[in-house]
């Protein structure tokens, strides 16, 4: 276990000493922020449409189902694409 931690520390030091980690983190934050704002805008538009047409009666759009679930689902796809980008350096 001690050897694995030593190797992990060396790899993390190598990532954060070069601009690779900062570029990957920046890309992830930019893409996730763009998705957050667009999904939030669509959710708020849906809430406004629901209140306008339904008059506030009944159950409205659910925050978990209409905002958080799509956001986390999209974040998973972005991470699926970025993690191999970062780990390719280990195999090269």
PDB file of N, CA and C in Angstrom:
ATOM      1  N   UNK A   1       0.821  -1.189   0.000  1.00  0.00           N
ATOM      2  CA  UNK A   1       0.000   0.000   0.000  1.00  0.00           C
ATOM      3  C   UNK A   1       0.869   1.258   0.000  1.00  0.00           C
ATOM      4  N   UNK A   2       1.985   1.184   0.684  1.00  0.00           N
ATOM      5  CA  UNK A   2       2.880   2.331   0.762  1.00  0.00           C
ATOM      6  C   UNK A   2       3.454   2.662  -0.620  1.00  0.00           C
ATOM      7  N   UNK A   3       3.741   1.618  -1.414  1.00  0.00           N
ATOM      8  CA  UNK A   3       4.279   1.840  -2.757  1.00  0.00           C
ATOM      9  C   UNK A   3       3.245   2.492  -3.671  1.00  0.00           C
ATOM     10  N   UNK A   4       1.987   2.079  -3.531  1.00  0.00           N
ATOM     11  CA  UNK A   4       0.937   2.660  -4.365  1.00  0.00           C
ATOM     12  C   UNK A   4       0.745   4.143  -4.049  1.00  0.00           C
ATOM     13  N   UNK A   5       0.794   4.502  -2.791  1.00  0.00           N
ATOM     14  CA  UNK A   5       0.657   5.916  -2.420  1.00  0.00           C
ATOM     15  C   UNK A   5       1.828   6.742  -2.937  1.00  0.00           C
ATOM     16  N   UNK A   6       3.010   6.151  -2.925  1.00  0.00           N
ATOM     17  CA  UNK A   6       4.186   6.844  -3.443  1.00  0.00           C
ATOM     18  C   UNK A   6       4.045   7.106  -4.934  1.00  0.00           C
ATOM     19  N   UNK A   7       3.562   6.113  -5.667  1.00  0.00           N
ATOM     20  CA  UNK A   7       3.366   6.273  -7.110  1.00  0.00           C
ATOM     21  C   UNK A   7       2.270   7.301  -7.386  1.00  0.00           C
ATOM     22  N   UNK A   8       1.187   7.265  -6.597  1.00  0.00           N
ATOM     23  CA  UNK A   8       0.096   8.224  -6.781  1.00  0.00           C
ATOM     24  C   UNK A   8       0.568   9.654  -6.505  1.00  0.00           C
ATOM     25  N   UNK A   9       1.360   9.849  -5.471  1.00  0.00           N
ATOM     26  CA  UNK A   9       1.892  11.186  -5.179  1.00  0.00           C
ATOM     27  C   UNK A   9       2.760  11.685  -6.316  1.00  0.00           C
ATOM     28  N   UNK A  10       3.584  10.799  -6.880  1.00  0.00           N
ATOM     29  CA  UNK A  10       4.458  11.177  -7.991  1.00  0.00           C
ATOM     30  C   UNK A  10       3.627  11.577  -9.210  1.00  0.00           C
ATOM     31  N   UNK A  11       2.579  10.815  -9.510  1.00  0.00           N
ATOM     32  CA  UNK A  11       1.739  11.128 -10.659  1.00  0.00           C
ATOM     33  C   UNK A  11       1.001  12.446 -10.465  1.00  0.00           C
ATOM     34  N   UNK A  12       0.438  12.675  -9.273  1.00  0.00           N
ATOM     35  CA  UNK A  12      -0.262  13.930  -9.025  1.00  0.00           C
ATOM     36  C   UNK A  12       0.682  15.120  -9.092  1.00  0.00           C
ATOM     37  N   UNK A  13       1.870  14.959  -8.557  1.00  0.00           N
ATOM     38  CA  UNK A  13       2.853  16.044  -8.651  1.00  0.00           C
ATOM     39  C   UNK A  13       3.191  16.333 -10.109  1.00  0.00           C
ATOM     40  N   UNK A  14       3.306  15.272 -10.907  1.00  0.00           N
ATOM     41  CA  UNK A  14       3.596  15.443 -12.326  1.00  0.00           C
ATOM     42  C   UNK A  14       2.461  16.132 -13.076  1.00  0.00           C
ATOM     43  N   UNK A  15       1.224  15.793 -12.728  1.00  0.00           N
ATOM     44  CA  UNK A  15       0.086  16.428 -13.383  1.00  0.00           C
ATOM     45  C   UNK A  15       0.000  17.911 -13.054  1.00  0.00           C
ATOM     46  N   UNK A  16       0.138  18.253 -11.787  1.00  0.00           N
ATOM     47  CA  UNK A  16      -0.044  19.638 -11.397  1.00  0.00           C
ATOM     48  C   UNK A  16       1.209  20.483 -11.601  1.00  0.00           C
ATOM     49  N   UNK A  17       2.323  19.875 -11.957  1.00  0.00           N
ATOM     50  CA  UNK A  17       3.510  20.646 -12.311  1.00  0.00           C
ATOM     51  C   UNK A  17       3.429  21.101 -13.767  1.00  0.00           C
ATOM     52  N   UNK A  18       2.683  20.358 -14.582  1.00  0.00           N
ATOM     53  CA  UNK A  18       2.501  20.731 -15.983  1.00  0.00           C
ATOM     54  C   UNK A  18       1.099  21.318 -16.160  1.00  0.00           C
ATOM     55  N   UNK A  19       0.866  21.978 -17.274  1.00  0.00           N
ATOM     56  CA  UNK A  19      -0.460  22.596 -17.469  1.00  0.00           C
ATOM     57  C   UNK A  19      -1.560  21.607 -17.867  1.00  0.00           C
ATOM     58  N   UNK A  20      -1.257  20.323 -17.970  1.00  0.00           N
ATOM     59  CA  UNK A  20      -2.250  19.342 -18.409  1.00  0.00           C
ATOM     60  C   UNK A  20      -3.431  19.293 -17.451  1.00  0.00           C
ATOM     61  N   UNK A  21      -3.166  19.195 -16.161  1.00  0.00           N
ATOM     62  CA  UNK A  21      -4.254  19.104 -15.181  1.00  0.00           C
ATOM     63  C   UNK A  21      -5.100  20.367 -15.189  1.00  0.00           C
ATOM     64  N   UNK A  22      -4.471  21.515 -15.316  1.00  0.00           N
ATOM     65  CA  UNK A  22      -5.223  22.764 -15.295  1.00  0.00           C
ATOM     66  C   UNK A  22      -6.084  22.918 -16.545  1.00  0.00           C
ATOM     67  N   UNK A  23      -5.604  22.452 -17.677  1.00  0.00           N
ATOM     68  CA  UNK A  23      -6.398  22.500 -18.906  1.00  0.00           C
ATOM     69  C   UNK A  23      -7.590  21.555 -18.803  1.00  0.00           C
ATOM     70  N   UNK A  24      -7.370  20.348 -18.281  1.00  0.00           N
ATOM     71  CA  UNK A  24      -8.458  19.384 -18.149  1.00  0.00           C
ATOM     72  C   UNK A  24      -9.494  19.877 -17.146  1.00  0.00           C
ATOM     73  N   UNK A  25      -9.056  20.389 -16.015  1.00  0.00           N
ATOM     74  CA  UNK A  25      -9.992  20.922 -15.013  1.00  0.00           C
ATOM     75  C   UNK A  25     -10.754  22.113 -15.584  1.00  0.00           C
ATOM     76  N   UNK A  26     -10.067  22.983 -16.314  1.00  0.00           N
ATOM     77  CA  UNK A  26     -10.733  24.127 -16.931  1.00  0.00           C
ATOM     78  C   UNK A  26     -11.762  23.713 -17.963  1.00  0.00           C
ATOM     79  N   UNK A  27     -11.426  22.715 -18.796  1.00  0.00           N
ATOM     80  CA  UNK A  27     -12.384  22.223 -19.779  1.00  0.00           C
ATOM     81  C   UNK A  27     -13.610  21.640 -19.099  1.00  0.00           C
ATOM     82  N   UNK A  28     -13.388  20.832 -18.052  1.00  0.00           N
ATOM     83  CA  UNK A  28     -14.505  20.220 -17.339  1.00  0.00           C
ATOM     84  C   UNK A  28     -15.400  21.282 -16.715  1.00  0.00           C
ATOM     85  N   UNK A  29     -14.807  22.272 -16.065  1.00  0.00           N
ATOM     86  CA  UNK A  29     -15.601  23.322 -15.424  1.00  0.00           C
ATOM     87  C   UNK A  29     -16.353  24.176 -16.442  1.00  0.00           C
ATOM     88  N   UNK A  30     -15.723  24.460 -17.575  1.00  0.00           N
ATOM     89  CA  UNK A  30     -16.384  25.254 -18.609  1.00  0.00           C
ATOM     90  C   UNK A  30     -17.575  24.500 -19.195  1.00  0.00           C
ATOM     91  N   UNK A  31     -17.371  23.242 -19.558  1.00  0.00           N
ATOM     92  CA  UNK A  31     -18.451  22.449 -20.159  1.00  0.00           C
ATOM     93  C   UNK A  31     -19.576  22.226 -19.159  1.00  0.00           C
ATOM     94  N   UNK A  32     -19.221  21.906 -17.913  1.00  0.00           N
ATOM     95  CA  UNK A  32     -20.235  21.678 -16.887  1.00  0.00           C
ATOM     96  C   UNK A  32     -20.999  22.967 -16.576  1.00  0.00           C
ATOM     97  N   UNK A  33     -20.322  24.098 -16.528  1.00  0.00           N
ATOM     98  CA  UNK A  33     -20.993  25.373 -16.287  1.00  0.00           C
ATOM     99  C   UNK A  33     -21.942  25.741 -17.410  1.00  0.00           C
ATOM    100  N   UNK A  34     -21.536  25.483 -18.647  1.00  0.00           N
ATOM    101  CA  UNK A  34     -22.410  25.749 -19.787  1.00  0.00           C
ATOM    102  C   UNK A  34     -23.654  24.866 -19.724  1.00  0.00           C
ATOM    103  N   UNK A  35     -23.455  23.573 -19.416  1.00  0.00           N
ATOM    104  CA  UNK A  35     -24.601  22.663 -19.306  1.00  0.00           C
ATOM    105  C   UNK A  35     -25.508  23.072 -18.144  1.00  0.00           C
ATOM    106  N   UNK A  36     -24.923  23.466 -17.017  1.00  0.00           N
ATOM    107  CA  UNK A  36     -25.716  23.910 -15.858  1.00  0.00           C
ATOM    108  C   UNK A  36     -26.600  25.078 -16.231  1.00  0.00           C
ATOM    109  N   UNK A  37     -26.038  26.071 -16.888  1.00  0.00           N
ATOM    110  CA  UNK A  37     -26.832  27.257 -17.217  1.00  0.00           C
ATOM    111  C   UNK A  37     -27.914  26.948 -18.240  1.00  0.00           C
ATOM    112  N   UNK A  38     -27.621  26.109 -19.229  1.00  0.00           N
ATOM    113  CA  UNK A  38     -28.641  25.803 -20.231  1.00  0.00           C
ATOM    114  C   UNK A  38     -29.752  24.930 -19.648  1.00  0.00           C
ATOM    115  N   UNK A  39     -29.417  23.951 -18.800  1.00  0.00           N
ATOM    116  CA  UNK A  39     -30.440  23.119 -18.185  1.00  0.00           C
ATOM    117  C   UNK A  39     -31.272  23.941 -17.201  1.00  0.00           C
ATOM    118  N   UNK A  40     -30.636  24.835 -16.449  1.00  0.00           N
ATOM    119  CA  UNK A  40     -31.374  25.708 -15.530  1.00  0.00           C
ATOM    120  C   UNK A  40     -32.326  26.625 -16.283  1.00  0.00           C
ATOM    121  N   UNK A  41     -31.872  27.164 -17.400  1.00  0.00           N
ATOM    122  CA  UNK A  41     -32.726  28.032 -18.202  1.00  0.00           C
ATOM    123  C   UNK A  41     -33.948  27.262 -18.720  1.00  0.00           C
ATOM    124  N   UNK A  42     -33.734  26.035 -19.206  1.00  0.00           N
ATOM    125  CA  UNK A  42     -34.855  25.228 -19.677  1.00  0.00           C
ATOM    126  C   UNK A  42     -35.799  24.857 -18.535  1.00  0.00           C
ATOM    127  N   UNK A  43     -35.245  24.561 -17.360  1.00  0.00           N
ATOM    128  CA  UNK A  43     -36.087  24.231 -16.214  1.00  0.00           C
ATOM    129  C   UNK A  43     -36.943  25.412 -15.796  1.00  0.00           C
ATOM    130  N   UNK A  44     -36.340  26.591 -15.712  1.00  0.00           N
ATOM    131  CA  UNK A  44     -37.097  27.786 -15.326  1.00  0.00           C
ATOM    132  C   UNK A  44     -38.161  28.136 -16.361  1.00  0.00           C
ATOM    133  N   UNK A  45     -37.841  27.916 -17.629  1.00  0.00           N
ATOM    134  CA  UNK A  45     -38.835  28.148 -18.675  1.00  0.00           C
ATOM    135  C   UNK A  45     -39.993  27.163 -18.532  1.00  0.00           C
ATOM    136  N   UNK A  46     -39.684  25.908 -18.202  1.00  0.00           N
ATOM    137  CA  UNK A  46     -40.732  24.916 -17.993  1.00  0.00           C
ATOM    138  C   UNK A  46     -41.603  25.241 -16.795  1.00  0.00           C
ATOM    139  N   UNK A  47     -40.995  25.736 -15.714  1.00  0.00           N
ATOM    140  CA  UNK A  47     -41.763  26.134 -14.529  1.00  0.00           C
ATOM    141  C   UNK A  47     -42.687  27.300 -14.863  1.00  0.00           C
ATOM    142  N   UNK A  48     -42.175  28.276 -15.603  1.00  0.00           N
ATOM    143  CA  UNK A  48     -42.996  29.428 -15.972  1.00  0.00           C
ATOM    144  C   UNK A  48     -44.151  28.997 -16.867  1.00  0.00           C
ATOM    145  N   UNK A  49     -43.890  28.106 -17.834  1.00  0.00           N
ATOM    146  CA  UNK A  49     -44.966  27.617 -18.699  1.00  0.00           C
ATOM    147  C   UNK A  49     -45.995  26.840 -17.900  1.00  0.00           C
ATOM    148  N   UNK A  50     -45.551  26.035 -16.954  1.00  0.00           N
ATOM    149  CA  UNK A  50     -46.485  25.253 -16.138  1.00  0.00           C
ATOM    150  C   UNK A  50     -47.384  26.177 -15.320  1.00  0.00           C
ATOM    151  N   UNK A  51     -46.787  27.197 -14.709  1.00  0.00           N
ATOM    152  CA  UNK A  51     -47.580  28.116 -13.892  1.00  0.00           C
ATOM    153  C   UNK A  51     -48.544  28.933 -14.750  1.00  0.00           C
ATOM    154  N   UNK A  52     -48.132  29.240 -15.955  1.00  0.00           N
ATOM    155  CA  UNK A  52     -48.998  30.029 -16.828  1.00  0.00           C
ATOM    156  C   UNK A  52     -50.186  29.205 -17.314  1.00  0.00           C
ATOM    157  N   UNK A  53     -49.946  27.944 -17.705  1.00  0.00           N
ATOM    158  CA  UNK A  53     -51.017  27.134 -18.273  1.00  0.00           C
ATOM    159  C   UNK A  53     -51.823  26.366 -17.234  1.00  0.00           C
ATOM    160  N   UNK A  54     -51.195  25.956 -16.141  1.00  0.00           N
ATOM    161  CA  UNK A  54     -51.903  25.176 -15.131  1.00  0.00           C
ATOM    162  C   UNK A  54     -52.442  26.044 -13.990  1.00  0.00           C
ATOM    163  N   UNK A  55     -51.978  27.247 -13.877  1.00  0.00           N
ATOM    164  CA  UNK A  55     -52.450  28.129 -12.813  1.00  0.00           C
ATOM    165  C   UNK A  55     -51.936  27.732 -11.439  1.00  0.00           C
ATOM    166  N   UNK A  56     -50.831  26.983 -11.381  1.00  0.00           N
ATOM    167  CA  UNK A  56     -50.271  26.578 -10.100  1.00  0.00           C
ATOM    168  C   UNK A  56     -50.997  25.426  -9.448  1.00  0.00           C
ATOM    169  N   UNK A  57     -51.906  24.782 -10.145  1.00  0.00           N
ATOM    170  CA  UNK A  57     -52.658  23.663  -9.581  1.00  0.00           C
ATOM    171  C   UNK A  57     -51.904  22.352  -9.836  1.00  0.00           C
ATOM    172  N   UNK A  58     -51.888  21.486  -8.857  1.00  0.00           N
ATOM    173  CA  UNK A  58     -51.262  20.179  -9.030  1.00  0.00           C
ATOM    174  C   UNK A  58     -49.772  20.231  -8.799  1.00  0.00           C
ATOM    175  N   UNK A  59     -49.126  19.132  -9.199  1.00  0.00           N
ATOM    176  CA  UNK A  59     -47.678  19.029  -9.015  1.00  0.00           C
ATOM    177  C   UNK A  59     -46.965  19.656 -10.206  1.00  0.00           C
ATOM    178  N   UNK A  60     -46.013  20.512  -9.908  1.00  0.00           N
ATOM    179  CA  UNK A  60     -45.248  21.169 -10.948  1.00  0.00           C
ATOM    180  C   UNK A  60     -44.025  20.357 -11.329  1.00  0.00           C
ATOM    181  N   UNK A  61     -43.169  20.921 -12.161  1.00  0.00           N
ATOM    182  CA  UNK A  61     -41.926  20.238 -12.539  1.00  0.00           C
ATOM    183  C   UNK A  61     -41.065  19.969 -11.308  1.00  0.00           C
ATOM    184  N   UNK A  62     -40.555  18.758 -11.223  1.00  0.00           N
ATOM    185  CA  UNK A  62     -39.746  18.331 -10.091  1.00  0.00           C
ATOM    186  C   UNK A  62     -38.287  18.721 -10.345  1.00  0.00           C
ATOM    187  N   UNK A  63     -37.666  19.349  -9.370  1.00  0.00           N
ATOM    188  CA  UNK A  63     -36.277  19.791  -9.509  1.00  0.00           C
ATOM    189  C   UNK A  63     -35.341  18.620  -9.729  1.00  0.00           C
ATOM    190  N   UNK A  64     -35.544  17.525  -9.004  1.00  0.00           N
ATOM    191  CA  UNK A  64     -34.651  16.376  -9.123  1.00  0.00           C
ATOM    192  C   UNK A  64     -34.738  15.726 -10.490  1.00  0.00           C
ATOM    193  N   UNK A  65     -35.948  15.559 -11.003  1.00  0.00           N
ATOM    194  CA  UNK A  65     -36.122  14.853 -12.269  1.00  0.00           C
ATOM    195  C   UNK A  65     -35.845  15.719 -13.487  1.00  0.00           C
ATOM    196  N   UNK A  66     -36.107  16.990 -13.390  1.00  0.00           N
ATOM    197  CA  UNK A  66     -35.987  17.852 -14.562  1.00  0.00           C
ATOM    198  C   UNK A  66     -34.746  18.733 -14.570  1.00  0.00           C
ATOM    199  N   UNK A  67     -33.987  18.729 -13.493  1.00  0.00           N
ATOM    200  CA  UNK A  67     -32.782  19.567 -13.465  1.00  0.00           C
ATOM    201  C   UNK A  67     -31.545  18.772 -13.053  1.00  0.00           C
ATOM    202  N   UNK A  68     -31.584  18.143 -11.890  1.00  0.00           N
ATOM    203  CA  UNK A  68     -30.391  17.478 -11.377  1.00  0.00           C
ATOM    204  C   UNK A  68     -30.046  16.202 -12.142  1.00  0.00           C
ATOM    205  N   UNK A  69     -31.038  15.392 -12.467  1.00  0.00           N
ATOM    206  CA  UNK A  69     -30.766  14.142 -13.169  1.00  0.00           C
ATOM    207  C   UNK A  69     -30.127  14.383 -14.538  1.00  0.00           C
ATOM    208  N   UNK A  70     -30.633  15.304 -15.373  1.00  0.00           N
ATOM    209  CA  UNK A  70     -29.950  15.563 -16.644  1.00  0.00           C
ATOM    210  C   UNK A  70     -28.557  16.164 -16.460  1.00  0.00           C
ATOM    211  N   UNK A  71     -28.401  17.013 -15.450  1.00  0.00           N
ATOM    212  CA  UNK A  71     -27.088  17.627 -15.220  1.00  0.00           C
ATOM    213  C   UNK A  71     -26.058  16.574 -14.852  1.00  0.00           C
ATOM    214  N   UNK A  72     -26.383  15.704 -13.904  1.00  0.00           N
ATOM    215  CA  UNK A  72     -25.430  14.665 -13.504  1.00  0.00           C
ATOM    216  C   UNK A  72     -25.218  13.646 -14.610  1.00  0.00           C
ATOM    217  N   UNK A  73     -26.236  13.361 -15.389  1.00  0.00           N
ATOM    218  CA  UNK A  73     -26.069  12.450 -16.519  1.00  0.00           C
ATOM    219  C   UNK A  73     -25.102  13.012 -17.552  1.00  0.00           C
ATOM    220  N   UNK A  74     -25.210  14.305 -17.835  1.00  0.00           N
ATOM    221  CA  UNK A  74     -24.296  14.937 -18.779  1.00  0.00           C
ATOM    222  C   UNK A  74     -22.883  15.026 -18.216  1.00  0.00           C
ATOM    223  N   UNK A  75     -22.767  15.265 -16.901  1.00  0.00           N
ATOM    224  CA  UNK A  75     -21.441  15.314 -16.285  1.00  0.00           C
ATOM    225  C   UNK A  75     -20.750  13.957 -16.383  1.00  0.00           C
ATOM    226  N   UNK A  76     -21.517  12.871 -16.282  1.00  0.00           N
ATOM    227  CA  UNK A  76     -20.934  11.539 -16.432  1.00  0.00           C
ATOM    228  C   UNK A  76     -20.360  11.350 -17.823  1.00  0.00           C
ATOM    229  N   UNK A  77     -21.049  11.820 -18.837  1.00  0.00           N
ATOM    230  CA  UNK A  77     -20.558  11.675 -20.206  1.00  0.00           C
ATOM    231  C   UNK A  77     -19.280  12.488 -20.400  1.00  0.00           C
ATOM    232  N   UNK A  78     -19.251  13.693 -19.859  1.00  0.00           N
ATOM    233  CA  UNK A  78     -18.054  14.531 -19.984  1.00  0.00           C
ATOM    234  C   UNK A  78     -16.869  13.858 -19.290  1.00  0.00           C
ATOM    235  N   UNK A  79     -17.103  13.301 -18.104  1.00  0.00           N
ATOM    236  CA  UNK A  79     -16.022  12.607 -17.400  1.00  0.00           C
ATOM    237  C   UNK A  79     -15.584  11.360 -18.142  1.00  0.00           C
ATOM    238  N   UNK A  80     -16.515  10.666 -18.808  1.00  0.00           N
ATOM    239  CA  UNK A  80     -16.150   9.501 -19.614  1.00  0.00           C
ATOM    240  C   UNK A  80     -15.205   9.884 -20.737  1.00  0.00           C
ATOM    241  N   UNK A  81     -15.313  11.095 -21.240  1.00  0.00           N
ATOM    242  CA  UNK A  81     -14.427  11.539 -22.308  1.00  0.00           C
ATOM    243  C   UNK A  81     -13.126  12.132 -21.778  1.00  0.00           C
ATOM    244  N   UNK A  82     -13.148  12.760 -20.597  1.00  0.00           N
ATOM    245  CA  UNK A  82     -11.953  13.419 -20.085  1.00  0.00           C
ATOM    246  C   UNK A  82     -11.005  12.478 -19.336  1.00  0.00           C
ATOM    247  N   UNK A  83     -11.531  11.467 -18.678  1.00  0.00           N
ATOM    248  CA  UNK A  83     -10.674  10.560 -17.903  1.00  0.00           C
ATOM    249  C   UNK A  83      -9.683   9.814 -18.803  1.00  0.00           C
ATOM    250  N   UNK A  84     -10.094   9.265 -19.954  1.00  0.00           N
ATOM    251  CA  UNK A  84      -9.086   8.649 -20.820  1.00  0.00           C
ATOM    252  C   UNK A  84      -8.049   9.644 -21.331  1.00  0.00           C
ATOM    253  N   UNK A  85      -8.462  10.896 -21.530  1.00  0.00           N
ATOM    254  CA  UNK A  85      -7.520  11.920 -21.960  1.00  0.00           C
ATOM    255  C   UNK A  85      -6.406  12.108 -20.940  1.00  0.00           C
ATOM    256  N   UNK A  86      -6.766  12.072 -19.668  1.00  0.00           N
ATOM    257  CA  UNK A  86      -5.780  12.245 -18.605  1.00  0.00           C
ATOM    258  C   UNK A  86      -4.942  10.981 -18.438  1.00  0.00           C
ATOM    259  N   UNK A  87      -5.569   9.813 -18.516  1.00  0.00           N
ATOM    260  CA  UNK A  87      -4.833   8.569 -18.256  1.00  0.00           C
ATOM    261  C   UNK A  87      -3.998   8.110 -19.431  1.00  0.00           C
ATOM    262  N   UNK A  88      -4.203   8.646 -20.625  1.00  0.00           N
ATOM    263  CA  UNK A  88      -3.356   8.263 -21.764  1.00  0.00           C
ATOM    264  C   UNK A  88      -1.896   8.615 -21.492  1.00  0.00           C
ATOM    265  N   UNK A  89      -1.687   9.626 -20.730  1.00  0.00           N
ATOM    266  CA  UNK A  89      -0.312  10.033 -20.413  1.00  0.00           C
ATOM    267  C   UNK A  89       0.404   8.975 -19.591  1.00  0.00           C
ATOM    268  N   UNK A  90      -0.339   8.249 -18.743  1.00  0.00           N
ATOM    269  CA  UNK A  90       0.271   7.210 -17.931  1.00  0.00           C
ATOM    270  C   UNK A  90       0.755   6.041 -18.772  1.00  0.00           C
ATOM    271  N   UNK A  91       0.026   5.730 -19.829  1.00  0.00           N
ATOM    272  CA  UNK A  91       0.385   4.577 -20.663  1.00  0.00           C
ATOM    273  C   UNK A  91       1.406   4.902 -21.723  1.00  0.00           C
ATOM    274  N   UNK A  92       1.571   6.172 -22.046  1.00  0.00           N
ATOM    275  CA  UNK A  92       2.501   6.552 -23.121  1.00  0.00           C
ATOM    276  C   UNK A  92       3.951   6.387 -22.674  1.00  0.00           C
TER     277      UNK A  92
END
